Amino acid sequence: MPDPTETFLHAHVLILGGAKGIGRAVAEELSRHGARLSVADIDVSTAQETASALSAAGGEAQALQVDVLSAESIARAVTEARASFGPIDVLLNNVGAILSGDPQDIPGEEWERISDLNYRAVVYGVREVLPAMLERGSGHIVNTGSFAGMYPYASSRIPYAAAKAGVISLSQNLALYCEPRGIRVSCLIPGPVQTGIATTMTTWTPEAPMRGPGSELRLMTTQEAAAKFVNGLEEGRILIASDDSLWDIVRRWADDPDAFVRDKITQFEAGEFGMPQL
């Protein structure tokens, strides 16, 4: 049996959304494991900073520009990545966006934008790399979900939660299809992580309180989450949580989904918004 710590040695990893946050932290962790990184982002200057830092630390990395809302742009990024580092062994679909607001206040185009960035972009990435992986019978597709897609709490950002639930379902069903054909599929499921994504969040209902995944959870660093994720990828896991407390919460939800939702309603009405520990 191969040493799991050598899983990514010389592997070519393309990260869509790899310039900062979880994407950059995972790139750093994979580079330490010997992977060659194609860091793709719409912000190519920040992607270049990330690639340069990886190279300065002794890794192999390049920066690419990509607009994940364009299938053609993803196709170009994949072509450019292959031209430098060869076939793509691992694709990480990591682009995402968040918002806040009551559902009746969120414009229709914002529902579409959040769905497109968090779900449709994943579909584009999968469709672009899957044929070549199927042809050679190897590869690893990794998608980024969220605790918000696993159980109900994110009533202040419903479009985001719904899109991430779709990513988690897509990943599991894709694994059913791909694993017998030699291709692994994983879904990274971040809980509370210090990503900075909230700084770009649009708020459509200013007085709506942010509702979190649970006060029993701790806000993690991106480095802590990345180490957990890469360990799970090496183990060949399909669903990989940043915090294994997720599974205890999901078990409580599964025991009685109606009671779980109504307990959340009671907590929120009492002013207990489930924000994680700092």
C-alpha atoms as a PDB file:
ATOM      1  CA  MET A   1       0.000   0.000   0.000  1.00  0.00           C
ATOM      2  CA  PRO A   2       1.449   3.422  -0.952  1.00  0.00           C
ATOM      3  CA  ASP A   3       2.468   5.856   1.765  1.00  0.00           C
ATOM      4  CA  PRO A   4      -0.476   8.323   2.094  1.00  0.00           C
ATOM      5  CA  THR A   5       1.970  11.170   2.690  1.00  0.00           C
ATOM      6  CA  GLU A   6       3.168  10.688  -0.903  1.00  0.00           C
ATOM      7  CA  THR A   7      -0.321  10.954  -2.408  1.00  0.00           C
ATOM      8  CA  PHE A   8       0.354  14.420  -3.832  1.00  0.00           C
ATOM      9  CA  LEU A   9       4.069  14.044  -4.570  1.00  0.00           C
ATOM     10  CA  HIS A  10       4.559  15.556  -8.067  1.00  0.00           C
ATOM     11  CA  ALA A  11       0.768  15.685  -8.575  1.00  0.00           C
ATOM     12  CA  HIS A  12      -0.522  18.572 -10.690  1.00  0.00           C
ATOM     13  CA  VAL A  13      -3.271  20.394  -8.787  1.00  0.00           C
ATOM     14  CA  LEU A  14      -5.415  23.087 -10.396  1.00  0.00           C
ATOM     15  CA  ILE A  15      -7.231  25.274  -7.868  1.00  0.00           C
ATOM     16  CA  LEU A  16     -10.017  27.477  -9.211  1.00  0.00           C
ATOM     17  CA  GLY A  17     -10.181  30.198  -6.582  1.00  0.00           C
ATOM     18  CA  GLY A  18      -6.724  29.572  -5.154  1.00  0.00           C
ATOM     19  CA  ALA A  19      -5.407  33.102  -4.612  1.00  0.00           C
ATOM     20  CA  LYS A  20      -6.537  33.615  -1.032  1.00  0.00           C
ATOM     21  CA  GLY A  21      -8.502  32.187   1.893  1.00  0.00           C
ATOM     22  CA  ILE A  22      -9.011  28.442   2.031  1.00  0.00           C
ATOM     23  CA  GLY A  23      -7.814  28.057  -1.564  1.00  0.00           C
ATOM     24  CA  ARG A  24      -4.434  29.577  -0.786  1.00  0.00           C
ATOM     25  CA  ALA A  25      -4.081  27.652   2.494  1.00  0.00           C
ATOM     26  CA  VAL A  26      -4.826  24.358   0.735  1.00  0.00           C
ATOM     27  CA  ALA A  27      -2.349  25.282  -2.011  1.00  0.00           C
ATOM     28  CA  GLU A  28       0.336  25.894   0.621  1.00  0.00           C
ATOM     29  CA  GLU A  29      -0.414  22.593   2.350  1.00  0.00           C
ATOM     30  CA  LEU A  30      -0.411  20.628  -0.909  1.00  0.00           C
ATOM     31  CA  SER A  31       2.831  22.296  -1.989  1.00  0.00           C
ATOM     32  CA  ARG A  32       4.447  21.107   1.234  1.00  0.00           C
ATOM     33  CA  HIS A  33       3.348  17.600   0.247  1.00  0.00           C
ATOM     34  CA  GLY A  34       5.163  17.907  -3.080  1.00  0.00           C
ATOM     35  CA  ALA A  35       2.330  18.931  -5.413  1.00  0.00           C
ATOM     36  CA  ARG A  36       2.749  21.270  -8.364  1.00  0.00           C
ATOM     37  CA  LEU A  37       0.156  24.033  -8.187  1.00  0.00           C
ATOM     38  CA  SER A  38      -1.741  25.915 -10.873  1.00  0.00           C
ATOM     39  CA  VAL A  39      -3.345  28.745  -8.921  1.00  0.00           C
ATOM     40  CA  ALA A  40      -6.244  30.201 -10.914  1.00  0.00           C
ATOM     41  CA  ASP A  41      -8.301  33.188  -9.848  1.00  0.00           C
ATOM     42  CA  ILE A  42     -10.171  36.121 -11.339  1.00  0.00           C
ATOM     43  CA  ASP A  43      -7.741  38.288  -9.358  1.00  0.00           C
ATOM     44  CA  VAL A  44      -4.610  37.265 -11.258  1.00  0.00           C
ATOM     45  CA  SER A  45      -2.310  39.649  -9.382  1.00  0.00           C
ATOM     46  CA  THR A  46      -3.164  37.996  -6.056  1.00  0.00           C
ATOM     47  CA  ALA A  47      -2.872  34.588  -7.709  1.00  0.00           C
ATOM     48  CA  GLN A  48       0.626  35.601  -8.830  1.00  0.00           C
ATOM     49  CA  GLU A  49       1.512  36.638  -5.273  1.00  0.00           C
ATOM     50  CA  THR A  50       0.372  33.221  -4.033  1.00  0.00           C
ATOM     51  CA  ALA A  51       2.265  31.349  -6.751  1.00  0.00           C
ATOM     52  CA  SER A  52       5.398  33.383  -6.078  1.00  0.00           C
ATOM     53  CA  ALA A  53       5.194  32.626  -2.360  1.00  0.00           C
ATOM     54  CA  LEU A  54       4.831  28.911  -3.073  1.00  0.00           C
ATOM     55  CA  SER A  55       7.827  28.983  -5.409  1.00  0.00           C
ATOM     56  CA  ALA A  56       9.909  30.959  -2.910  1.00  0.00           C
ATOM     57  CA  ALA A  57       9.184  28.260  -0.330  1.00  0.00           C
ATOM     58  CA  GLY A  58      10.629  25.628  -2.675  1.00  0.00           C
ATOM     59  CA  GLY A  59       7.489  24.531  -4.491  1.00  0.00           C
ATOM     60  CA  GLU A  60       6.415  24.586  -8.130  1.00  0.00           C
ATOM     61  CA  ALA A  61       3.554  26.927  -8.906  1.00  0.00           C
ATOM     62  CA  GLN A  62       2.102  29.130 -11.602  1.00  0.00           C
ATOM     63  CA  ALA A  63      -0.665  31.732 -11.635  1.00  0.00           C
ATOM     64  CA  LEU A  64      -3.550  31.753 -14.094  1.00  0.00           C
ATOM     65  CA  GLN A  65      -6.515  34.031 -14.608  1.00  0.00           C
ATOM     66  CA  VAL A  66      -9.976  32.527 -14.695  1.00  0.00           C
ATOM     67  CA  ASP A  67     -13.587  33.666 -14.616  1.00  0.00           C
ATOM     68  CA  VAL A  68     -15.468  30.653 -13.280  1.00  0.00           C
ATOM     69  CA  LEU A  69     -18.775  31.976 -14.609  1.00  0.00           C
ATOM     70  CA  SER A  70     -17.444  31.338 -18.108  1.00  0.00           C
ATOM     71  CA  ALA A  71     -17.022  27.760 -19.292  1.00  0.00           C
ATOM     72  CA  GLU A  72     -14.723  29.098 -22.003  1.00  0.00           C
ATOM     73  CA  SER A  73     -12.504  30.819 -19.429  1.00  0.00           C
ATOM     74  CA  ILE A  74     -12.230  27.623 -17.393  1.00  0.00           C
ATOM     75  CA  ALA A  75     -11.348  25.710 -20.574  1.00  0.00           C
ATOM     76  CA  ARG A  76      -8.546  28.201 -21.288  1.00  0.00           C
ATOM     77  CA  ALA A  77      -7.213  27.918 -17.736  1.00  0.00           C
ATOM     78  CA  VAL A  78      -7.207  24.115 -17.971  1.00  0.00           C
ATOM     79  CA  THR A  79      -5.356  24.276 -21.306  1.00  0.00           C
ATOM     80  CA  GLU A  80      -2.765  26.680 -19.901  1.00  0.00           C
ATOM     81  CA  ALA A  81      -2.316  24.582 -16.761  1.00  0.00           C
ATOM     82  CA  ARG A  82      -1.733  21.431 -18.808  1.00  0.00           C
ATOM     83  CA  ALA A  83       0.741  23.206 -21.075  1.00  0.00           C
ATOM     84  CA  SER A  84       3.014  23.919 -18.100  1.00  0.00           C
ATOM     85  CA  PHE A  85       2.568  20.968 -15.744  1.00  0.00           C
ATOM     86  CA  GLY A  86       0.901  18.248 -17.824  1.00  0.00           C
ATOM     87  CA  PRO A  87      -2.360  16.416 -17.101  1.00  0.00           C
ATOM     88  CA  ILE A  88      -4.411  17.682 -14.179  1.00  0.00           C
ATOM     89  CA  ASP A  89      -4.322  15.107 -11.401  1.00  0.00           C
ATOM     90  CA  VAL A  90      -6.478  17.077  -8.975  1.00  0.00           C
ATOM     91  CA  LEU A  91      -9.054  19.799  -9.611  1.00  0.00           C
ATOM     92  CA  LEU A  92     -10.236  21.884  -6.669  1.00  0.00           C
ATOM     93  CA  ASN A  93     -13.379  23.928  -7.369  1.00  0.00           C
ATOM     94  CA  ASN A  94     -13.094  26.504  -4.600  1.00  0.00           C
ATOM     95  CA  VAL A  95     -14.739  29.715  -5.834  1.00  0.00           C
ATOM     96  CA  GLY A  96     -17.617  31.003  -3.741  1.00  0.00           C
ATOM     97  CA  ALA A  97     -19.486  34.086  -2.573  1.00  0.00           C
ATOM     98  CA  ILE A  98     -21.828  34.903   0.279  1.00  0.00           C
ATOM     99  CA  LEU A  99     -24.566  37.399   1.081  1.00  0.00           C
ATOM    100  CA  SER A 100     -26.882  38.276   3.960  1.00  0.00           C
ATOM    101  CA  GLY A 101     -30.534  39.211   4.096  1.00  0.00           C
ATOM    102  CA  ASP A 102     -34.100  38.060   4.499  1.00  0.00           C
ATOM    103  CA  PRO A 103     -35.231  36.067   1.448  1.00  0.00           C
ATOM    104  CA  GLN A 104     -37.917  38.554   0.400  1.00  0.00           C
ATOM    105  CA  ASP A 105     -35.342  41.361   0.343  1.00  0.00           C
ATOM    106  CA  ILE A 106     -32.796  39.607  -1.866  1.00  0.00           C
ATOM    107  CA  PRO A 107     -33.216  40.512  -5.569  1.00  0.00           C
ATOM    108  CA  GLY A 108     -33.670  37.692  -8.050  1.00  0.00           C
ATOM    109  CA  GLU A 109     -30.402  38.471  -9.793  1.00  0.00           C
ATOM    110  CA  GLU A 110     -28.596  38.037  -6.461  1.00  0.00           C
ATOM    111  CA  TRP A 111     -30.122  34.585  -5.987  1.00  0.00           C
ATOM    112  CA  GLU A 112     -28.792  33.743  -9.453  1.00  0.00           C
ATOM    113  CA  ARG A 113     -25.349  35.261  -8.815  1.00  0.00           C
ATOM    114  CA  ILE A 114     -24.844  33.305  -5.600  1.00  0.00           C
ATOM    115  CA  SER A 115     -26.079  30.094  -7.220  1.00  0.00           C
ATOM    116  CA  ASP A 116     -23.813  30.647 -10.214  1.00  0.00           C
ATOM    117  CA  LEU A 117     -20.667  31.322  -8.182  1.00  0.00           C
ATOM    118  CA  ASN A 118     -21.196  28.552  -5.652  1.00  0.00           C
ATOM    119  CA  TYR A 119     -22.797  25.822  -7.775  1.00  0.00           C
ATOM    120  CA  ARG A 120     -22.745  26.442 -11.534  1.00  0.00           C
ATOM    121  CA  ALA A 121     -19.012  27.209 -11.473  1.00  0.00           C
ATOM    122  CA  VAL A 122     -18.416  23.783  -9.907  1.00  0.00           C
ATOM    123  CA  VAL A 123     -20.354  22.145 -12.717  1.00  0.00           C
ATOM    124  CA  TYR A 124     -18.245  23.978 -15.310  1.00  0.00           C
ATOM    125  CA  GLY A 125     -15.033  22.841 -13.633  1.00  0.00           C
ATOM    126  CA  VAL A 126     -16.162  19.224 -13.369  1.00  0.00           C
ATOM    127  CA  ARG A 127     -17.279  19.084 -16.989  1.00  0.00           C
ATOM    128  CA  GLU A 128     -13.969  20.480 -18.211  1.00  0.00           C
ATOM    129  CA  VAL A 129     -11.649  17.972 -16.504  1.00  0.00           C
ATOM    130  CA  LEU A 130     -13.806  14.844 -16.220  1.00  0.00           C
ATOM    131  CA  PRO A 131     -13.475  13.538 -19.814  1.00  0.00           C
ATOM    132  CA  ALA A 132      -9.667  13.392 -19.664  1.00  0.00           C
ATOM    133  CA  MET A 133      -9.760  11.795 -16.224  1.00  0.00           C
ATOM    134  CA  LEU A 134     -12.206   9.156 -17.461  1.00  0.00           C
ATOM    135  CA  GLU A 135     -10.027   8.480 -20.488  1.00  0.00           C
ATOM    136  CA  ARG A 136      -6.953   7.727 -18.402  1.00  0.00           C
ATOM    137  CA  GLY A 137      -8.871   6.184 -15.477  1.00  0.00           C
ATOM    138  CA  SER A 138      -7.407   8.390 -12.747  1.00  0.00           C
ATOM    139  CA  GLY A 139      -7.814  11.763 -11.130  1.00  0.00           C
ATOM    140  CA  HIS A 140      -9.364  13.510  -8.157  1.00  0.00           C
ATOM    141  CA  ILE A 141     -12.150  16.104  -8.253  1.00  0.00           C
ATOM    142  CA  VAL A 142     -12.545  18.209  -5.118  1.00  0.00           C
ATOM    143  CA  ASN A 143     -15.397  20.654  -4.502  1.00  0.00           C
ATOM    144  CA  THR A 144     -15.853  23.098  -1.631  1.00  0.00           C
ATOM    145  CA  GLY A 145     -19.146  22.947   0.249  1.00  0.00           C
ATOM    146  CA  SER A 146     -20.068  24.398   3.646  1.00  0.00           C
ATOM    147  CA  PHE A 147     -21.615  23.460   6.976  1.00  0.00           C
ATOM    148  CA  ALA A 148     -24.488  25.657   5.731  1.00  0.00           C
ATOM    149  CA  GLY A 149     -25.276  23.009   3.113  1.00  0.00           C
ATOM    150  CA  MET A 150     -25.325  20.137   5.618  1.00  0.00           C
ATOM    151  CA  TYR A 151     -27.929  21.223   8.172  1.00  0.00           C
ATOM    152  CA  PRO A 152     -30.301  24.188   8.650  1.00  0.00           C
ATOM    153  CA  TYR A 153     -29.100  27.315  10.403  1.00  0.00           C
ATOM    154  CA  ALA A 154     -28.248  29.862   7.683  1.00  0.00           C
ATOM    155  CA  SER A 155     -31.639  31.548   7.413  1.00  0.00           C
ATOM    156  CA  SER A 156     -29.873  34.892   6.897  1.00  0.00           C
ATOM    157  CA  ARG A 157     -28.146  33.612   3.713  1.00  0.00           C
ATOM    158  CA  ILE A 158     -30.503  31.079   2.177  1.00  0.00           C
ATOM    159  CA  PRO A 159     -29.249  31.328  -1.450  1.00  0.00           C
ATOM    160  CA  TYR A 160     -25.721  30.451  -0.290  1.00  0.00           C
ATOM    161  CA  ALA A 161     -26.882  27.544   1.874  1.00  0.00           C
ATOM    162  CA  ALA A 162     -29.006  26.110  -0.938  1.00  0.00           C
ATOM    163  CA  ALA A 163     -26.144  26.323  -3.448  1.00  0.00           C
ATOM    164  CA  LYS A 164     -23.716  24.636  -1.058  1.00  0.00           C
ATOM    165  CA  ALA A 165     -26.241  21.852  -0.403  1.00  0.00           C
ATOM    166  CA  GLY A 166     -26.256  21.328  -4.152  1.00  0.00           C
ATOM    167  CA  VAL A 167     -22.452  21.102  -4.218  1.00  0.00           C
ATOM    168  CA  ILE A 168     -22.470  18.476  -1.469  1.00  0.00           C
ATOM    169  CA  SER A 169     -25.132  16.406  -3.258  1.00  0.00           C
ATOM    170  CA  LEU A 170     -23.333  16.768  -6.591  1.00  0.00           C
ATOM    171  CA  SER A 171     -20.081  15.581  -5.009  1.00  0.00           C
ATOM    172  CA  GLN A 172     -21.578  12.489  -3.404  1.00  0.00           C
ATOM    173  CA  ASN A 173     -23.460  11.433  -6.497  1.00  0.00           C
ATOM    174  CA  LEU A 174     -20.435  12.133  -8.688  1.00  0.00           C
ATOM    175  CA  ALA A 175     -18.432   9.843  -6.398  1.00  0.00           C
ATOM    176  CA  LEU A 176     -20.973   7.079  -7.062  1.00  0.00           C
ATOM    177  CA  TYR A 177     -20.278   7.416 -10.762  1.00  0.00           C
ATOM    178  CA  CYS A 178     -16.555   8.160 -10.727  1.00  0.00           C
ATOM    179  CA  GLU A 179     -15.005   5.913  -8.096  1.00  0.00           C
ATOM    180  CA  PRO A 180     -15.703   2.672  -9.996  1.00  0.00           C
ATOM    181  CA  ARG A 181     -13.925   4.338 -12.936  1.00  0.00           C
ATOM    182  CA  GLY A 182     -10.754   5.118 -10.955  1.00  0.00           C
ATOM    183  CA  ILE A 183     -11.520   8.766 -10.148  1.00  0.00           C
ATOM    184  CA  ARG A 184     -11.874  10.017  -6.614  1.00  0.00           C
ATOM    185  CA  VAL A 185     -14.336  12.731  -5.651  1.00  0.00           C
ATOM    186  CA  SER A 186     -14.202  14.697  -2.410  1.00  0.00           C
ATOM    187  CA  CYS A 187     -16.109  17.596  -0.905  1.00  0.00           C
ATOM    188  CA  LEU A 188     -14.395  19.933   1.537  1.00  0.00           C
ATOM    189  CA  ILE A 189     -16.909  21.161   4.108  1.00  0.00           C
ATOM    190  CA  PRO A 190     -15.667  24.237   5.965  1.00  0.00           C
ATOM    191  CA  GLY A 191     -17.344  25.314   9.161  1.00  0.00           C
ATOM    192  CA  PRO A 192     -16.371  28.572  10.855  1.00  0.00           C
ATOM    193  CA  VAL A 193     -13.037  29.511   9.252  1.00  0.00           C
ATOM    194  CA  GLN A 194     -11.278  32.895   9.167  1.00  0.00           C
ATOM    195  CA  THR A 195     -11.405  33.342   5.387  1.00  0.00           C
ATOM    196  CA  GLY A 196     -12.257  37.010   4.980  1.00  0.00           C
ATOM    197  CA  ILE A 197     -15.198  36.121   2.731  1.00  0.00           C
ATOM    198  CA  ALA A 198     -17.517  38.226   4.915  1.00  0.00           C
ATOM    199  CA  THR A 199     -15.635  41.383   3.896  1.00  0.00           C
ATOM    200  CA  THR A 200     -17.099  41.041   0.386  1.00  0.00           C
ATOM    201  CA  MET A 201     -20.595  40.137   1.605  1.00  0.00           C
ATOM    202  CA  THR A 202     -23.534  42.202   0.388  1.00  0.00           C
ATOM    203  CA  THR A 203     -26.222  42.782   3.036  1.00  0.00           C
ATOM    204  CA  TRP A 204     -29.773  43.200   1.777  1.00  0.00           C
ATOM    205  CA  THR A 205     -31.498  43.440   5.175  1.00  0.00           C
ATOM    206  CA  PRO A 206     -29.317  45.635   7.420  1.00  0.00           C
ATOM    207  CA  GLU A 207     -31.128  44.706  10.643  1.00  0.00           C
ATOM    208  CA  ALA A 208     -31.055  40.950   9.985  1.00  0.00           C
ATOM    209  CA  PRO A 209     -28.727  39.238  12.475  1.00  0.00           C
ATOM    210  CA  MET A 210     -26.072  36.849  11.207  1.00  0.00           C
ATOM    211  CA  ARG A 211     -26.928  33.296  12.245  1.00  0.00           C
ATOM    212  CA  GLY A 212     -24.109  30.837  12.791  1.00  0.00           C
ATOM    213  CA  PRO A 213     -23.630  27.066  12.793  1.00  0.00           C
ATOM    214  CA  GLY A 214     -23.485  26.699  16.575  1.00  0.00           C
ATOM    215  CA  SER A 215     -21.854  28.281  19.603  1.00  0.00           C
ATOM    216  CA  GLU A 216     -20.179  24.948  20.409  1.00  0.00           C
ATOM    217  CA  LEU A 217     -17.953  25.404  17.349  1.00  0.00           C
ATOM    218  CA  ARG A 218     -14.648  27.280  17.233  1.00  0.00           C
ATOM    219  CA  LEU A 219     -13.493  29.743  14.592  1.00  0.00           C
ATOM    220  CA  MET A 220     -10.525  28.048  12.903  1.00  0.00           C
ATOM    221  CA  THR A 221      -7.649  29.481  10.913  1.00  0.00           C
ATOM    222  CA  THR A 222      -7.377  28.684   7.216  1.00  0.00           C
ATOM    223  CA  GLN A 223      -4.153  26.802   7.955  1.00  0.00           C
ATOM    224  CA  GLU A 224      -5.895  24.537  10.483  1.00  0.00           C
ATOM    225  CA  ALA A 225      -8.710  23.840   8.034  1.00  0.00           C
ATOM    226  CA  ALA A 226      -6.293  23.181   5.159  1.00  0.00           C
ATOM    227  CA  ALA A 227      -4.301  20.648   7.179  1.00  0.00           C
ATOM    228  CA  LYS A 228      -7.540  18.823   8.036  1.00  0.00           C
ATOM    229  CA  PHE A 229      -8.693  18.875   4.426  1.00  0.00           C
ATOM    230  CA  VAL A 230      -5.440  17.614   2.920  1.00  0.00           C
ATOM    231  CA  ASN A 231      -5.264  14.821   5.482  1.00  0.00           C
ATOM    232  CA  GLY A 232      -8.781  13.766   4.439  1.00  0.00           C
ATOM    233  CA  LEU A 233      -7.839  13.911   0.764  1.00  0.00           C
ATOM    234  CA  GLU A 234      -4.847  11.666   1.411  1.00  0.00           C
ATOM    235  CA  GLU A 235      -7.143   9.203   3.167  1.00  0.00           C
ATOM    236  CA  GLY A 236      -9.469   9.184   0.133  1.00  0.00           C
ATOM    237  CA  ARG A 237     -12.461  10.494   2.066  1.00  0.00           C
ATOM    238  CA  ILE A 238     -15.513  11.807   0.230  1.00  0.00           C
ATOM    239  CA  LEU A 239     -16.909  14.300   2.759  1.00  0.00           C
ATOM    240  CA  ILE A 240     -14.211  16.112   4.727  1.00  0.00           C
ATOM    241  CA  ALA A 241     -15.265  18.506   7.483  1.00  0.00           C
ATOM    242  CA  SER A 242     -12.994  21.188   8.871  1.00  0.00           C
ATOM    243  CA  ASP A 243     -14.330  20.223  12.310  1.00  0.00           C
ATOM    244  CA  ASP A 244     -15.573  16.708  13.077  1.00  0.00           C
ATOM    245  CA  SER A 245     -18.176  18.205  15.420  1.00  0.00           C
ATOM    246  CA  LEU A 246     -20.193  18.556  12.208  1.00  0.00           C
ATOM    247  CA  TRP A 247     -21.086  14.887  12.324  1.00  0.00           C
ATOM    248  CA  ASP A 248     -22.467  15.139  15.885  1.00  0.00           C
ATOM    249  CA  ILE A 249     -24.697  18.008  14.766  1.00  0.00           C
ATOM    250  CA  VAL A 250     -25.837  16.145  11.651  1.00  0.00           C
ATOM    251  CA  ARG A 251     -26.699  13.108  13.773  1.00  0.00           C
ATOM    252  CA  ARG A 252     -28.899  15.313  15.988  1.00  0.00           C
ATOM    253  CA  TRP A 253     -30.608  16.678  12.881  1.00  0.00           C
ATOM    254  CA  ALA A 254     -31.106  13.170  11.455  1.00  0.00           C
ATOM    255  CA  ASP A 255     -32.698  11.904  14.682  1.00  0.00           C
ATOM    256  CA  ASP A 256     -35.621  14.334  14.241  1.00  0.00           C
ATOM    257  CA  PRO A 257     -35.289  16.942  11.469  1.00  0.00           C
ATOM    258  CA  ASP A 258     -38.542  18.728  12.399  1.00  0.00           C
ATOM    259  CA  ALA A 259     -37.516  19.064  16.038  1.00  0.00           C
ATOM    260  CA  PHE A 260     -34.061  20.275  14.993  1.00  0.00           C
ATOM    261  CA  VAL A 261     -35.524  23.075  12.855  1.00  0.00           C
ATOM    262  CA  ARG A 262     -38.003  24.120  15.541  1.00  0.00           C
ATOM    263  CA  ASP A 263     -35.285  24.119  18.196  1.00  0.00           C
ATOM    264  CA  LYS A 264     -33.319  26.488  15.972  1.00  0.00           C
ATOM    265  CA  ILE A 265     -36.381  28.738  15.667  1.00  0.00           C
ATOM    266  CA  THR A 266     -36.701  28.825  19.460  1.00  0.00           C
ATOM    267  CA  GLN A 267     -33.000  29.608  19.890  1.00  0.00           C
ATOM    268  CA  PHE A 268     -33.086  32.411  17.331  1.00  0.00           C
ATOM    269  CA  GLU A 269     -36.203  33.945  18.876  1.00  0.00           C
ATOM    270  CA  ALA A 270     -34.394  33.914  22.226  1.00  0.00           C
ATOM    271  CA  GLY A 271     -31.470  35.812  20.714  1.00  0.00           C
ATOM    272  CA  GLU A 272     -29.153  32.807  20.564  1.00  0.00           C
ATOM    273  CA  PHE A 273     -27.749  33.087  17.053  1.00  0.00           C
ATOM    274  CA  GLY A 274     -25.252  30.218  17.139  1.00  0.00           C
ATOM    275  CA  MET A 275     -22.129  32.253  16.504  1.00  0.00           C
ATOM    276  CA  PRO A 276     -18.884  30.270  16.950  1.00  0.00           C
ATOM    277  CA  GLN A 277     -16.305  30.802  19.666  1.00  0.00           C
ATOM    278  CA  LEU A 278     -13.437  33.119  18.754  1.00  0.00           C
END
